[in-house]
Amino acid sequence: QQQQQQQKQPPAEGWQYVDPKGNIQGPFKLSDMKQWYKMGYFRPDLKMRCCKEDAFTDFSSLYPRPQTLPFESYPKRPGKPT
């Protein structure tokens, strides 16, 4: 089962986050999110989601360390089976 989870790709688009002023930004593509992550833009407490049906949750909860790689692994969506 863990192997299946690692093979499941994160959503290619639909990523959103809440900026410091409380405004929802996005939706963005996975490629943008990967680039911004590598540039260090995402704080652990940044509210984010990968699907508009999901609630916003902390970045560190979507991608708990060390078992997941941000934007490479499938995110741990709130209330959804992994």
N, C-alpha and C. Protein backbone atom coordinates (compact mmCIF):
# COMPACT_ATOMS: atom_id res chain seq x y z
N GLN A 1 0.83 -1.20 0.00
CA GLN A 1 0.00 0.00 0.00
C GLN A 1 0.87 1.25 0.00
N GLN A 2 1.94 1.26 0.77
CA GLN A 2 2.83 2.42 0.80
C GLN A 2 3.45 2.66 -0.58
N GLN A 3 3.75 1.59 -1.30
CA GLN A 3 4.32 1.73 -2.63
C GLN A 3 3.31 2.39 -3.58
N GLN A 4 2.04 2.03 -3.46
CA GLN A 4 1.00 2.65 -4.29
C GLN A 4 0.90 4.14 -4.00
N GLN A 5 0.98 4.51 -2.73
CA GLN A 5 0.89 5.91 -2.34
C GLN A 5 2.05 6.70 -2.96
N GLN A 6 3.24 6.15 -2.98
CA GLN A 6 4.38 6.84 -3.54
C GLN A 6 4.24 6.99 -5.05
N GLN A 7 3.54 6.08 -5.70
CA GLN A 7 3.38 6.15 -7.14
C GLN A 7 2.29 7.14 -7.55
N LYS A 8 1.36 7.44 -6.67
CA LYS A 8 0.28 8.36 -6.99
C LYS A 8 0.86 9.77 -7.10
N GLN A 9 0.60 10.42 -8.21
CA GLN A 9 1.15 11.74 -8.46
C GLN A 9 0.29 12.83 -7.83
N PRO A 10 0.91 13.92 -7.37
CA PRO A 10 0.12 15.04 -6.86
C PRO A 10 -0.69 15.68 -7.98
N PRO A 11 -1.80 16.33 -7.66
CA PRO A 11 -2.60 16.97 -8.70
C PRO A 11 -1.79 17.95 -9.55
N ALA A 12 -1.98 17.92 -10.85
CA ALA A 12 -1.19 18.75 -11.78
C ALA A 12 -1.61 20.22 -11.77
N GLU A 13 -2.82 20.47 -11.30
CA GLU A 13 -3.30 21.86 -11.24
C GLU A 13 -4.35 21.98 -10.16
N GLY A 14 -4.76 23.22 -9.88
CA GLY A 14 -5.79 23.46 -8.87
C GLY A 14 -5.24 23.85 -7.51
N TRP A 15 -3.94 24.07 -7.41
CA TRP A 15 -3.31 24.44 -6.13
C TRP A 15 -3.63 25.88 -5.76
N GLN A 16 -4.00 26.09 -4.49
CA GLN A 16 -4.29 27.43 -3.98
C GLN A 16 -3.64 27.59 -2.61
N TYR A 17 -3.36 28.85 -2.26
CA TYR A 17 -2.89 29.14 -0.91
C TYR A 17 -3.48 30.46 -0.44
N VAL A 18 -3.41 30.70 0.87
CA VAL A 18 -3.90 31.94 1.46
C VAL A 18 -2.68 32.80 1.77
N ASP A 19 -2.62 33.99 1.16
CA ASP A 19 -1.46 34.86 1.37
C ASP A 19 -1.51 35.52 2.74
N PRO A 20 -0.43 36.20 3.16
CA PRO A 20 -0.40 36.81 4.50
C PRO A 20 -1.51 37.82 4.77
N LYS A 21 -2.11 38.38 3.73
CA LYS A 21 -3.21 39.33 3.91
C LYS A 21 -4.57 38.64 3.98
N GLY A 22 -4.57 37.29 3.86
CA GLY A 22 -5.81 36.53 3.95
C GLY A 22 -6.52 36.34 2.62
N ASN A 23 -5.86 36.69 1.52
CA ASN A 23 -6.45 36.52 0.18
C ASN A 23 -6.09 35.16 -0.39
N ILE A 24 -7.07 34.52 -1.04
CA ILE A 24 -6.82 33.24 -1.71
C ILE A 24 -6.13 33.51 -3.04
N GLN A 25 -5.01 32.83 -3.25
CA GLN A 25 -4.24 32.96 -4.49
C GLN A 25 -4.33 31.65 -5.26
N GLY A 26 -4.46 31.75 -6.58
CA GLY A 26 -4.51 30.56 -7.41
C GLY A 26 -5.84 30.47 -8.13
N PRO A 27 -6.09 29.39 -8.80
CA PRO A 27 -5.32 28.13 -8.77
C PRO A 27 -4.05 28.18 -9.62
N PHE A 28 -3.06 27.40 -9.16
CA PHE A 28 -1.76 27.32 -9.81
C PHE A 28 -1.48 25.89 -10.26
N LYS A 29 -0.55 25.75 -11.18
CA LYS A 29 -0.12 24.44 -11.66
C LYS A 29 0.93 23.87 -10.72
N LEU A 30 1.03 22.55 -10.71
CA LEU A 30 2.01 21.85 -9.89
C LEU A 30 3.43 22.33 -10.20
N SER A 31 3.73 22.57 -11.47
CA SER A 31 5.08 23.02 -11.84
C SER A 31 5.44 24.35 -11.18
N ASP A 32 4.46 25.27 -11.07
CA ASP A 32 4.71 26.54 -10.37
C ASP A 32 4.97 26.30 -8.90
N MET A 33 4.14 25.44 -8.29
CA MET A 33 4.28 25.17 -6.86
C MET A 33 5.64 24.54 -6.54
N LYS A 34 6.09 23.63 -7.39
CA LYS A 34 7.42 23.01 -7.20
C LYS A 34 8.51 24.07 -7.23
N GLN A 35 8.43 24.96 -8.21
CA GLN A 35 9.45 25.99 -8.35
C GLN A 35 9.46 26.92 -7.13
N TRP A 36 8.29 27.37 -6.70
CA TRP A 36 8.21 28.26 -5.56
C TRP A 36 8.67 27.57 -4.28
N TYR A 37 8.37 26.27 -4.14
CA TYR A 37 8.85 25.53 -2.98
C TYR A 37 10.38 25.50 -2.95
N LYS A 38 10.98 25.21 -4.11
CA LYS A 38 12.45 25.17 -4.17
C LYS A 38 13.08 26.52 -3.87
N MET A 39 12.35 27.60 -4.11
CA MET A 39 12.83 28.95 -3.83
C MET A 39 12.58 29.34 -2.37
N GLY A 40 11.92 28.44 -1.61
CA GLY A 40 11.72 28.69 -0.18
C GLY A 40 10.55 29.59 0.18
N TYR A 41 9.55 29.67 -0.71
CA TYR A 41 8.43 30.58 -0.47
C TYR A 41 7.38 30.07 0.50
N PHE A 42 7.34 28.77 0.77
CA PHE A 42 6.24 28.21 1.56
C PHE A 42 6.66 27.93 3.00
N ARG A 43 6.08 28.70 3.92
CA ARG A 43 6.30 28.48 5.36
C ARG A 43 5.50 27.25 5.80
N PRO A 44 5.94 26.57 6.86
CA PRO A 44 5.19 25.39 7.33
C PRO A 44 3.73 25.69 7.68
N ASP A 45 3.44 26.92 8.13
CA ASP A 45 2.07 27.25 8.55
C ASP A 45 1.24 27.90 7.44
N LEU A 46 1.76 27.97 6.20
CA LEU A 46 1.01 28.55 5.09
C LEU A 46 -0.19 27.67 4.78
N LYS A 47 -1.39 28.26 4.75
CA LYS A 47 -2.60 27.52 4.43
C LYS A 47 -2.65 27.26 2.93
N MET A 48 -2.91 26.00 2.57
CA MET A 48 -2.83 25.57 1.18
C MET A 48 -3.81 24.44 0.94
N ARG A 49 -4.17 24.25 -0.33
CA ARG A 49 -4.98 23.09 -0.72
C ARG A 49 -4.68 22.78 -2.19
N CYS A 50 -4.96 21.53 -2.56
CA CYS A 50 -4.70 21.11 -3.94
C CYS A 50 -5.99 20.89 -4.72
N CYS A 51 -7.12 20.99 -4.04
CA CYS A 51 -8.43 20.79 -4.67
C CYS A 51 -9.40 21.78 -4.03
N LYS A 52 -10.26 22.41 -4.85
CA LYS A 52 -11.16 23.41 -4.29
C LYS A 52 -12.20 22.82 -3.34
N GLU A 53 -12.40 21.49 -3.39
CA GLU A 53 -13.34 20.86 -2.46
C GLU A 53 -12.73 20.71 -1.06
N ASP A 54 -11.40 20.77 -0.96
CA ASP A 54 -10.72 20.58 0.33
C ASP A 54 -10.70 21.87 1.14
N ALA A 55 -10.62 21.71 2.45
CA ALA A 55 -10.38 22.86 3.33
C ALA A 55 -8.90 23.24 3.21
N PHE A 56 -8.62 24.51 3.48
CA PHE A 56 -7.22 24.93 3.53
C PHE A 56 -6.58 24.32 4.77
N THR A 57 -5.36 23.85 4.64
CA THR A 57 -4.64 23.25 5.75
C THR A 57 -3.18 23.70 5.69
N ASP A 58 -2.49 23.59 6.83
CA ASP A 58 -1.08 23.99 6.87
C ASP A 58 -0.25 23.18 5.88
N PHE A 59 0.68 23.85 5.23
CA PHE A 59 1.59 23.20 4.30
C PHE A 59 2.27 21.99 4.96
N SER A 60 2.67 22.15 6.23
CA SER A 60 3.36 21.07 6.94
C SER A 60 2.44 19.87 7.20
N SER A 61 1.12 20.08 7.19
CA SER A 61 0.18 18.97 7.34
C SER A 61 -0.08 18.27 6.01
N LEU A 62 -0.06 19.03 4.91
CA LEU A 62 -0.21 18.42 3.58
C LEU A 62 0.98 17.53 3.26
N TYR A 63 2.15 18.00 3.68
CA TYR A 63 3.39 17.27 3.40
C TYR A 63 4.19 17.07 4.68
N PRO A 64 3.73 16.14 5.55
CA PRO A 64 4.48 15.89 6.79
C PRO A 64 5.87 15.33 6.49
N ARG A 65 6.86 15.81 7.20
CA ARG A 65 8.23 15.36 7.01
C ARG A 65 8.54 14.26 7.99
N PRO A 66 9.42 13.34 7.75
CA PRO A 66 10.19 13.19 6.52
C PRO A 66 9.56 12.23 5.53
N GLN A 67 8.35 11.75 5.80
CA GLN A 67 7.79 10.68 4.97
C GLN A 67 7.27 11.14 3.61
N THR A 68 7.13 12.43 3.38
CA THR A 68 6.67 12.91 2.08
C THR A 68 7.59 13.98 1.53
N LEU A 69 7.68 14.06 0.22
CA LEU A 69 8.45 15.10 -0.46
C LEU A 69 7.47 16.09 -1.08
N PRO A 70 7.51 17.35 -0.65
CA PRO A 70 6.55 18.33 -1.17
C PRO A 70 6.54 18.41 -2.70
N PHE A 71 5.35 18.30 -3.23
CA PHE A 71 5.06 18.41 -4.67
C PHE A 71 5.68 17.30 -5.51
N GLU A 72 6.23 16.27 -4.85
CA GLU A 72 6.69 15.06 -5.52
C GLU A 72 5.79 13.89 -5.10
N SER A 73 5.46 13.85 -3.81
CA SER A 73 4.56 12.85 -3.25
C SER A 73 3.13 13.36 -3.33
N TYR A 74 2.17 12.44 -3.19
CA TYR A 74 0.76 12.85 -3.12
C TYR A 74 0.52 13.49 -1.76
N PRO A 75 -0.16 14.65 -1.71
CA PRO A 75 -0.36 15.32 -0.42
C PRO A 75 -1.32 14.57 0.50
N LYS A 76 -1.17 14.82 1.79
CA LYS A 76 -2.06 14.23 2.80
C LYS A 76 -3.25 15.17 2.94
N ARG A 77 -4.28 14.94 2.10
CA ARG A 77 -5.44 15.81 2.05
C ARG A 77 -6.31 15.61 3.29
N PRO A 78 -6.81 16.71 3.88
CA PRO A 78 -7.63 16.59 5.09
C PRO A 78 -8.93 15.84 4.82
N GLY A 79 -9.20 14.82 5.63
CA GLY A 79 -10.43 14.07 5.51
C GLY A 79 -10.50 13.13 4.32
N LYS A 80 -9.39 12.95 3.63
CA LYS A 80 -9.37 12.06 2.45
C LYS A 80 -8.41 10.90 2.72
N PRO A 81 -8.75 9.71 2.25
CA PRO A 81 -7.79 8.60 2.39
C PRO A 81 -6.57 8.84 1.51
N THR A 82 -5.42 8.40 2.00
CA THR A 82 -4.19 8.61 1.22
C THR A 82 -3.94 7.43 0.30
